[in-house]
Amino acid sequence: MNNQDNSKSEQNIVGAGLAIGVGLGLVFGSAIGNVGAGLAIGIAAGIGFATRQQRKKKSE
């Protein structure tokens, strides 16, 4: 993979992490009755997931 492919792949992983985070945040937020807090927690979890996937992919 060249550098441009790596960059695109990293953007896709981060984008997927954010999408997962927003989805989880909406579900969690409505469950606790505070969508704003749920989104904050969900997005943080999504970014954490994306970062972990990115590191895992780099180590391969």
PDB file of N, CA and C in Angstrom:
ATOM      1  N   MET A   1       0.841  -1.198   0.000  1.00  0.00           N
ATOM      2  CA  MET A   1       0.000   0.000   0.000  1.00  0.00           C
ATOM      3  C   MET A   1       0.874   1.245   0.000  1.00  0.00           C
ATOM      4  N   ASN A   2       0.520   2.179  -0.819  1.00  0.00           N
ATOM      5  CA  ASN A   2       1.286   3.413  -0.774  1.00  0.00           C
ATOM      6  C   ASN A   2       0.721   4.340   0.294  1.00  0.00           C
ATOM      7  N   ASN A   3       1.378   5.450   0.501  1.00  0.00           N
ATOM      8  CA  ASN A   3       1.014   6.372   1.588  1.00  0.00           C
ATOM      9  C   ASN A   3      -0.397   6.927   1.432  1.00  0.00           C
ATOM     10  N   GLN A   4      -0.800   7.200   0.202  1.00  0.00           N
ATOM     11  CA  GLN A   4      -2.145   7.748  -0.034  1.00  0.00           C
ATOM     12  C   GLN A   4      -3.219   6.726   0.346  1.00  0.00           C
ATOM     13  N   ASP A   5      -2.987   5.454   0.034  1.00  0.00           N
ATOM     14  CA  ASP A   5      -3.926   4.396   0.412  1.00  0.00           C
ATOM     15  C   ASP A   5      -4.028   4.275   1.921  1.00  0.00           C
ATOM     16  N   ASN A   6      -2.892   4.376   2.614  1.00  0.00           N
ATOM     17  CA  ASN A   6      -2.897   4.310   4.075  1.00  0.00           C
ATOM     18  C   ASN A   6      -3.710   5.446   4.665  1.00  0.00           C
ATOM     19  N   SER A   7      -3.542   6.643   4.131  1.00  0.00           N
ATOM     20  CA  SER A   7      -4.264   7.810   4.625  1.00  0.00           C
ATOM     21  C   SER A   7      -5.761   7.635   4.423  1.00  0.00           C
ATOM     22  N   LYS A   8      -6.163   7.157   3.266  1.00  0.00           N
ATOM     23  CA  LYS A   8      -7.584   6.941   2.966  1.00  0.00           C
ATOM     24  C   LYS A   8      -8.156   5.876   3.898  1.00  0.00           C
ATOM     25  N   SER A   9      -7.398   4.832   4.131  1.00  0.00           N
ATOM     26  CA  SER A   9      -7.839   3.761   5.017  1.00  0.00           C
ATOM     27  C   SER A   9      -8.035   4.272   6.440  1.00  0.00           C
ATOM     28  N   GLU A  10      -7.114   5.116   6.903  1.00  0.00           N
ATOM     29  CA  GLU A  10      -7.227   5.688   8.247  1.00  0.00           C
ATOM     30  C   GLU A  10      -8.462   6.578   8.348  1.00  0.00           C
ATOM     31  N   GLN A  11      -8.745   7.345   7.304  1.00  0.00           N
ATOM     32  CA  GLN A  11      -9.938   8.198   7.305  1.00  0.00           C
ATOM     33  C   GLN A  11     -11.201   7.346   7.366  1.00  0.00           C
ATOM     34  N   ASN A  12     -11.204   6.232   6.643  1.00  0.00           N
ATOM     35  CA  ASN A  12     -12.366   5.343   6.655  1.00  0.00           C
ATOM     36  C   ASN A  12     -12.581   4.744   8.035  1.00  0.00           C
ATOM     37  N   ILE A  13     -11.495   4.352   8.705  1.00  0.00           N
ATOM     38  CA  ILE A  13     -11.602   3.768  10.042  1.00  0.00           C
ATOM     39  C   ILE A  13     -12.144   4.796  11.019  1.00  0.00           C
ATOM     40  N   VAL A  14     -11.624   6.018  10.967  1.00  0.00           N
ATOM     41  CA  VAL A  14     -12.090   7.075  11.869  1.00  0.00           C
ATOM     42  C   VAL A  14     -13.547   7.412  11.569  1.00  0.00           C
ATOM     43  N   GLY A  15     -13.901   7.494  10.299  1.00  0.00           N
ATOM     44  CA  GLY A  15     -15.291   7.767   9.922  1.00  0.00           C
ATOM     45  C   GLY A  15     -16.232   6.689  10.430  1.00  0.00           C
ATOM     46  N   ALA A  16     -15.817   5.434  10.296  1.00  0.00           N
ATOM     47  CA  ALA A  16     -16.644   4.331  10.795  1.00  0.00           C
ATOM     48  C   ALA A  16     -16.759   4.398  12.306  1.00  0.00           C
ATOM     49  N   GLY A  17     -15.671   4.733  12.976  1.00  0.00           N
ATOM     50  CA  GLY A  17     -15.697   4.861  14.439  1.00  0.00           C
ATOM     51  C   GLY A  17     -16.645   5.950  14.890  1.00  0.00           C
ATOM     52  N   LEU A  18     -16.637   7.078  14.182  1.00  0.00           N
ATOM     53  CA  LEU A  18     -17.554   8.174  14.529  1.00  0.00           C
ATOM     54  C   LEU A  18     -18.999   7.780  14.271  1.00  0.00           C
ATOM     55  N   ALA A  19     -19.249   7.090  13.165  1.00  0.00           N
ATOM     56  CA  ALA A  19     -20.618   6.659  12.858  1.00  0.00           C
ATOM     57  C   ALA A  19     -21.124   5.692  13.923  1.00  0.00           C
ATOM     58  N   ILE A  20     -20.284   4.745  14.312  1.00  0.00           N
ATOM     59  CA  ILE A  20     -20.647   3.808  15.378  1.00  0.00           C
ATOM     60  C   ILE A  20     -20.894   4.576  16.669  1.00  0.00           C
ATOM     61  N   GLY A  21     -20.030   5.533  16.956  1.00  0.00           N
ATOM     62  CA  GLY A  21     -20.156   6.328  18.178  1.00  0.00           C
ATOM     63  C   GLY A  21     -21.448   7.115  18.238  1.00  0.00           C
ATOM     64  N   VAL A  22     -21.833   7.727  17.128  1.00  0.00           N
ATOM     65  CA  VAL A  22     -23.080   8.499  17.106  1.00  0.00           C
ATOM     66  C   VAL A  22     -24.271   7.564  17.294  1.00  0.00           C
ATOM     67  N   GLY A  23     -24.245   6.428  16.623  1.00  0.00           N
ATOM     68  CA  GLY A  23     -25.334   5.460  16.778  1.00  0.00           C
ATOM     69  C   GLY A  23     -25.455   4.972  18.208  1.00  0.00           C
ATOM     70  N   LEU A  24     -24.334   4.578  18.790  1.00  0.00           N
ATOM     71  CA  LEU A  24     -24.343   4.130  20.190  1.00  0.00           C
ATOM     72  C   LEU A  24     -24.768   5.256  21.111  1.00  0.00           C
ATOM     73  N   GLY A  25     -24.306   6.447  20.827  1.00  0.00           N
ATOM     74  CA  GLY A  25     -24.640   7.602  21.661  1.00  0.00           C
ATOM     75  C   GLY A  25     -26.122   7.896  21.672  1.00  0.00           C
ATOM     76  N   LEU A  26     -26.762   7.803  20.513  1.00  0.00           N
ATOM     77  CA  LEU A  26     -28.204   8.048  20.451  1.00  0.00           C
ATOM     78  C   LEU A  26     -28.970   6.993  21.240  1.00  0.00           C
ATOM     79  N   VAL A  27     -28.576   5.734  21.088  1.00  0.00           N
ATOM     80  CA  VAL A  27     -29.247   4.658  21.827  1.00  0.00           C
ATOM     81  C   VAL A  27     -29.014   4.828  23.323  1.00  0.00           C
ATOM     82  N   PHE A  28     -27.761   5.021  23.704  1.00  0.00           N
ATOM     83  CA  PHE A  28     -27.427   5.162  25.124  1.00  0.00           C
ATOM     84  C   PHE A  28     -28.057   6.423  25.706  1.00  0.00           C
ATOM     85  N   GLY A  29     -28.013   7.500  24.947  1.00  0.00           N
ATOM     86  CA  GLY A  29     -28.582   8.768  25.408  1.00  0.00           C
ATOM     87  C   GLY A  29     -30.066   8.673  25.658  1.00  0.00           C
ATOM     88  N   SER A  30     -30.796   8.022  24.748  1.00  0.00           N
ATOM     89  CA  SER A  30     -32.228   7.897  24.993  1.00  0.00           C
ATOM     90  C   SER A  30     -32.504   6.955  26.148  1.00  0.00           C
ATOM     91  N   ALA A  31     -31.627   5.986  26.367  1.00  0.00           N
ATOM     92  CA  ALA A  31     -31.821   5.065  27.497  1.00  0.00           C
ATOM     93  C   ALA A  31     -31.656   5.786  28.831  1.00  0.00           C
ATOM     94  N   ILE A  32     -30.695   6.713  28.919  1.00  0.00           N
ATOM     95  CA  ILE A  32     -30.483   7.418  30.192  1.00  0.00           C
ATOM     96  C   ILE A  32     -31.262   8.725  30.256  1.00  0.00           C
ATOM     97  N   GLY A  33     -31.908   9.096  29.152  1.00  0.00           N
ATOM     98  CA  GLY A  33     -32.714  10.315  29.151  1.00  0.00           C
ATOM     99  C   GLY A  33     -31.935  11.589  28.883  1.00  0.00           C
ATOM    100  N   ASN A  34     -30.684  11.469  28.488  1.00  0.00           N
ATOM    101  CA  ASN A  34     -29.868  12.651  28.196  1.00  0.00           C
ATOM    102  C   ASN A  34     -29.084  12.380  26.913  1.00  0.00           C
ATOM    103  N   VAL A  35     -29.649  12.786  25.792  1.00  0.00           N
ATOM    104  CA  VAL A  35     -29.046  12.475  24.496  1.00  0.00           C
ATOM    105  C   VAL A  35     -27.684  13.144  24.328  1.00  0.00           C
ATOM    106  N   GLY A  36     -27.517  14.360  24.850  1.00  0.00           N
ATOM    107  CA  GLY A  36     -26.226  15.054  24.736  1.00  0.00           C
ATOM    108  C   GLY A  36     -25.110  14.278  25.408  1.00  0.00           C
ATOM    109  N   ALA A  37     -25.354  13.821  26.625  1.00  0.00           N
ATOM    110  CA  ALA A  37     -24.343  13.031  27.341  1.00  0.00           C
ATOM    111  C   ALA A  37     -24.120  11.702  26.635  1.00  0.00           C
ATOM    112  N   GLY A  38     -25.200  11.105  26.149  1.00  0.00           N
ATOM    113  CA  GLY A  38     -25.071   9.836  25.423  1.00  0.00           C
ATOM    114  C   GLY A  38     -24.227   9.981  24.178  1.00  0.00           C
ATOM    115  N   LEU A  39     -24.430  11.080  23.444  1.00  0.00           N
ATOM    116  CA  LEU A  39     -23.620  11.312  22.244  1.00  0.00           C
ATOM    117  C   LEU A  39     -22.154  11.507  22.598  1.00  0.00           C
ATOM    118  N   ALA A  40     -21.886  12.251  23.653  1.00  0.00           N
ATOM    119  CA  ALA A  40     -20.493  12.472  24.070  1.00  0.00           C
ATOM    120  C   ALA A  40     -19.824  11.147  24.406  1.00  0.00           C
ATOM    121  N   ILE A  41     -20.518  10.310  25.160  1.00  0.00           N
ATOM    122  CA  ILE A  41     -19.961   9.004  25.537  1.00  0.00           C
ATOM    123  C   ILE A  41     -19.811   8.114  24.302  1.00  0.00           C
ATOM    124  N   GLY A  42     -20.833   8.090  23.459  1.00  0.00           N
ATOM    125  CA  GLY A  42     -20.798   7.248  22.265  1.00  0.00           C
ATOM    126  C   GLY A  42     -19.708   7.643  21.294  1.00  0.00           C
ATOM    127  N   ILE A  43     -19.545   8.946  21.067  1.00  0.00           N
ATOM    128  CA  ILE A  43     -18.503   9.410  20.145  1.00  0.00           C
ATOM    129  C   ILE A  43     -17.122   9.097  20.711  1.00  0.00           C
ATOM    130  N   ALA A  44     -16.949   9.271  22.013  1.00  0.00           N
ATOM    131  CA  ALA A  44     -15.664   8.920  22.639  1.00  0.00           C
ATOM    132  C   ALA A  44     -15.382   7.431  22.461  1.00  0.00           C
ATOM    133  N   ALA A  45     -16.400   6.605  22.648  1.00  0.00           N
ATOM    134  CA  ALA A  45     -16.229   5.159  22.465  1.00  0.00           C
ATOM    135  C   ALA A  45     -15.918   4.837  21.003  1.00  0.00           C
ATOM    136  N   GLY A  46     -16.594   5.507  20.088  1.00  0.00           N
ATOM    137  CA  GLY A  46     -16.348   5.280  18.665  1.00  0.00           C
ATOM    138  C   GLY A  46     -14.945   5.671  18.249  1.00  0.00           C
ATOM    139  N   ILE A  47     -14.457   6.794  18.759  1.00  0.00           N
ATOM    140  CA  ILE A  47     -13.093   7.232  18.451  1.00  0.00           C
ATOM    141  C   ILE A  47     -12.084   6.256  19.057  1.00  0.00           C
ATOM    142  N   GLY A  48     -12.371   5.791  20.271  1.00  0.00           N
ATOM    143  CA  GLY A  48     -11.503   4.786  20.894  1.00  0.00           C
ATOM    144  C   GLY A  48     -11.443   3.517  20.065  1.00  0.00           C
ATOM    145  N   PHE A  49     -12.597   3.076  19.587  1.00  0.00           N
ATOM    146  CA  PHE A  49     -12.666   1.886  18.739  1.00  0.00           C
ATOM    147  C   PHE A  49     -11.860   2.099  17.458  1.00  0.00           C
ATOM    148  N   ALA A  50     -12.044   3.250  16.822  1.00  0.00           N
ATOM    149  CA  ALA A  50     -11.342   3.547  15.570  1.00  0.00           C
ATOM    150  C   ALA A  50      -9.836   3.586  15.782  1.00  0.00           C
ATOM    151  N   THR A  51      -9.407   4.188  16.885  1.00  0.00           N
ATOM    152  CA  THR A  51      -7.976   4.272  17.188  1.00  0.00           C
ATOM    153  C   THR A  51      -7.388   2.880  17.394  1.00  0.00           C
ATOM    154  N   ARG A  52      -8.115   2.042  18.109  1.00  0.00           N
ATOM    155  CA  ARG A  52      -7.653   0.678  18.365  1.00  0.00           C
ATOM    156  C   ARG A  52      -7.536  -0.095  17.052  1.00  0.00           C
ATOM    157  N   GLN A  53      -8.533   0.049  16.178  1.00  0.00           N
ATOM    158  CA  GLN A  53      -8.498  -0.635  14.890  1.00  0.00           C
ATOM    159  C   GLN A  53      -7.331  -0.140  14.041  1.00  0.00           C
ATOM    160  N   GLN A  54      -7.071   1.162  14.104  1.00  0.00           N
ATOM    161  CA  GLN A  54      -5.986   1.759  13.334  1.00  0.00           C
ATOM    162  C   GLN A  54      -4.639   1.204  13.801  1.00  0.00           C
ATOM    163  N   ARG A  55      -4.448   1.128  15.100  1.00  0.00           N
ATOM    164  CA  ARG A  55      -3.188   0.588  15.639  1.00  0.00           C
ATOM    165  C   ARG A  55      -3.032  -0.877  15.272  1.00  0.00           C
ATOM    166  N   LYS A  56      -4.127  -1.611  15.354  1.00  0.00           N
ATOM    167  CA  LYS A  56      -4.107  -3.034  15.023  1.00  0.00           C
ATOM    168  C   LYS A  56      -3.711  -3.223  13.559  1.00  0.00           C
ATOM    169  N   LYS A  57      -4.284  -2.391  12.689  1.00  0.00           N
ATOM    170  CA  LYS A  57      -3.998  -2.493  11.258  1.00  0.00           C
ATOM    171  C   LYS A  57      -2.542  -2.131  10.960  1.00  0.00           C
ATOM    172  N   LYS A  58      -2.004  -1.124  11.651  1.00  0.00           N
ATOM    173  CA  LYS A  58      -0.612  -0.713  11.427  1.00  0.00           C
ATOM    174  C   LYS A  58       0.365  -1.802  11.853  1.00  0.00           C
ATOM    175  N   SER A  59       0.007  -2.574  12.884  1.00  0.00           N
ATOM    176  CA  SER A  59       0.925  -3.587  13.392  1.00  0.00           C
ATOM    177  C   SER A  59       0.952  -4.834  12.517  1.00  0.00           C
ATOM    178  N   GLU A  60      -0.001  -4.947  11.591  1.00  0.00           N
ATOM    179  CA  GLU A  60      -0.043  -6.128  10.712  1.00  0.00           C
ATOM    180  C   GLU A  60       0.993  -6.051   9.627  1.00  0.00           C
TER     181      GLU A  60
END
